[in-house]
Protein backbone atom coordinates (compact mmCIF):
# COMPACT_ATOMS: atom_id res chain seq x y z
CA MET A 1 -32.18 -24.64 24.89
CA LYS A 2 -32.18 -20.88 25.49
CA GLN A 3 -29.01 -21.24 27.56
CA ILE A 4 -27.23 -23.02 24.71
CA ALA A 5 -28.34 -20.38 22.20
CA PHE A 6 -27.16 -17.64 24.56
CA LEU A 7 -23.84 -19.42 25.10
CA ILE A 8 -23.29 -19.77 21.34
CA PHE A 9 -24.19 -16.09 20.82
CA PHE A 10 -21.81 -15.09 23.62
CA ILE A 11 -18.94 -17.18 22.19
CA LEU A 12 -19.49 -15.71 18.70
CA LEU A 13 -19.58 -12.22 20.15
CA ILE A 14 -16.28 -12.75 21.98
CA ALA A 15 -14.68 -14.36 18.94
CA ASN A 16 -15.76 -11.43 16.76
CA TYR A 17 -14.45 -8.91 19.31
CA ALA A 18 -11.10 -10.73 19.57
CA HIS A 19 -10.79 -10.76 15.77
CA ALA A 20 -11.63 -7.05 15.48
CA ASP A 21 -9.14 -6.25 18.20
CA SER A 22 -6.32 -8.02 16.34
CA THR A 23 -6.89 -6.19 13.04
CA THR A 24 -4.14 -3.65 12.46
CA LEU A 25 -4.17 -0.55 10.31
CA TYR A 26 -1.72 -2.42 8.09
CA ASP A 27 -4.42 -5.07 7.53
CA GLU A 28 -7.06 -2.43 6.88
CA LEU A 29 -4.80 -0.82 4.25
CA GLY A 30 -4.58 -4.14 2.43
CA GLY A 31 -1.17 -5.22 3.68
CA ASP A 32 1.91 -4.87 1.49
CA GLN A 33 -0.10 -5.05 -1.73
CA GLY A 34 -2.61 -2.37 -0.73
CA ILE A 35 0.05 -0.01 0.58
CA ASN A 36 2.27 -0.47 -2.47
CA GLN A 37 -0.68 0.09 -4.77
CA PHE A 38 -1.73 3.45 -3.31
CA VAL A 39 1.87 4.64 -2.81
CA THR A 40 2.66 3.84 -6.46
CA ARG A 41 -0.42 5.76 -7.53
CA ALA A 42 0.45 8.74 -5.28
CA VAL A 43 3.93 8.97 -6.79
CA ALA A 44 2.47 8.84 -10.30
CA LEU A 45 -0.03 11.58 -9.42
CA SER A 46 2.79 13.69 -7.98
CA HIS A 47 4.70 13.53 -11.27
CA GLN A 48 1.55 14.71 -13.06
CA HIS A 49 0.76 17.66 -10.80
CA HIS A 50 2.10 20.92 -12.27
CA ARG A 51 2.72 22.52 -8.86
CA ILE A 52 4.84 19.74 -7.32
CA ASP A 53 6.15 17.69 -10.25
CA PHE A 54 9.53 19.45 -10.01
CA LEU A 55 10.04 17.94 -6.54
CA PHE A 56 10.08 14.48 -8.14
CA GLU A 57 12.18 15.21 -11.25
CA ASP A 58 15.36 13.52 -10.06
CA THR A 59 13.64 10.87 -7.97
CA ASP A 60 14.31 7.17 -8.33
CA ASP A 61 10.62 6.22 -8.28
CA ALA A 62 11.21 2.55 -7.46
CA GLU A 63 13.32 3.49 -4.43
CA LEU A 64 10.86 6.16 -3.32
CA ILE A 65 7.94 3.74 -3.57
CA THR A 66 9.87 1.13 -1.59
CA GLN A 67 10.86 3.60 1.13
CA LEU A 68 7.38 5.14 1.43
CA SER A 69 5.73 1.72 1.44
CA ASP A 70 8.08 0.45 4.16
CA GLN A 71 7.54 3.58 6.22
CA ILE A 72 3.75 3.34 5.97
CA CYS A 73 3.89 -0.39 6.64
CA GLN A 74 5.82 0.22 9.86
CA LEU A 75 3.61 3.15 10.91
CA SER A 76 0.51 1.03 10.40
CA ASP A 77 1.77 -1.79 12.66
CA GLY A 78 2.82 -4.01 9.78
CA PRO A 79 5.83 -6.34 9.69
CA CYS A 80 8.08 -3.92 7.78
CA GLU A 81 11.00 -2.01 9.14
CA TYR A 82 11.67 1.42 7.65
CA ASP A 83 15.41 1.91 7.32
CA GLY A 84 15.45 5.13 5.31
CA LEU A 85 16.47 8.62 6.28
CA ASP A 86 14.56 10.51 8.93
CA MET A 87 12.20 13.11 7.48
CA VAL A 88 14.45 16.11 8.17
CA GLU A 89 17.39 14.48 6.37
CA ALA A 90 15.25 13.20 3.51
CA HIS A 91 13.80 16.65 2.80
CA SER A 92 16.82 18.81 3.67
CA GLY A 93 17.42 21.52 1.08
CA MET A 94 14.10 20.94 -0.67
CA GLU A 95 12.35 23.93 0.95
CA ILE A 96 8.95 22.29 0.55
CA THR A 97 6.24 24.85 1.24
CA GLU A 98 3.05 24.25 3.19
CA ALA A 99 1.08 24.48 -0.05
CA GLU A 100 3.31 21.88 -1.77
CA PHE A 101 3.05 19.60 1.23
CA ASP A 102 -0.74 19.95 1.27
CA ILE A 103 -0.92 19.11 -2.44
CA PHE A 104 1.08 15.93 -1.86
CA VAL A 105 -1.18 14.93 1.04
CA LYS A 106 -4.23 15.51 -1.16
CA LEU A 107 -2.70 13.32 -3.86
CA VAL A 108 -2.03 10.56 -1.30
CA ILE A 109 -5.68 10.80 -0.21
CA ASP A 110 -6.79 10.66 -3.86
CA ALA A 111 -4.58 7.62 -4.45
CA MET A 112 -6.02 5.84 -1.39
CA GLN A 113 -9.55 6.63 -2.54
CA GLU A 114 -8.84 5.43 -6.09
CA THR A 115 -7.44 2.15 -4.80
CA GLY A 116 -10.46 1.46 -2.61
CA ILE A 117 -9.21 2.31 0.87
CA LYS A 118 -12.14 3.28 3.07
CA HIS A 119 -12.51 6.82 4.38
CA ASN A 120 -12.11 5.87 8.06
CA VAL A 121 -8.95 3.89 7.26
CA ARG A 122 -7.51 6.82 5.29
CA ASN A 123 -8.11 9.04 8.30
CA LYS A 124 -6.38 6.59 10.64
CA LEU A 125 -3.27 6.61 8.46
CA LEU A 126 -3.30 10.39 8.05
CA ALA A 127 -3.45 10.79 11.83
CA ARG A 128 -0.24 8.77 12.10
CA LEU A 129 1.46 10.77 9.34
CA VAL A 130 0.55 14.24 10.68
CA PRO A 131 3.47 14.46 13.15
CA MET A 132 5.93 14.29 10.22
CA ARG A 133 4.68 17.55 8.72
CA ALA A 134 7.02 19.79 10.73
CA ASP A 135 9.99 17.64 9.73
CA ILE A 136 9.19 17.96 6.03
CA ILE A 137 8.21 21.56 5.31
CA TYR A 138 10.83 24.30 4.96
CA GLN A 139 13.80 21.96 5.42
């Protein structure tokens, strides 16, 4: 009887480990719906922030939300394929400062928090976004 209980425990342990191993950051972000929700909120917050709102004045919000959502989906191992401009091209001529960039990142974090994305998941996404910083500021 103890052997059967141990075998069942072992099988459940392996099954749980296999499931955890197959969970992607995309899944942890809530898939397309979760990503779109926090990206939409981040764009709205950006329009409301007095220090960076000018960067979004002539932006087609629907297109920006689609592009950002696709990019984050791809970066988080989701099924999307980002087909937008690279970050240097997308931000060329904008001369975004470090302070403006940091404000936007803070607003993205706020949007993720507001939409219920866990702290550790936010950090995982931010770690994947960090390499883009140099391609965005002062372009």
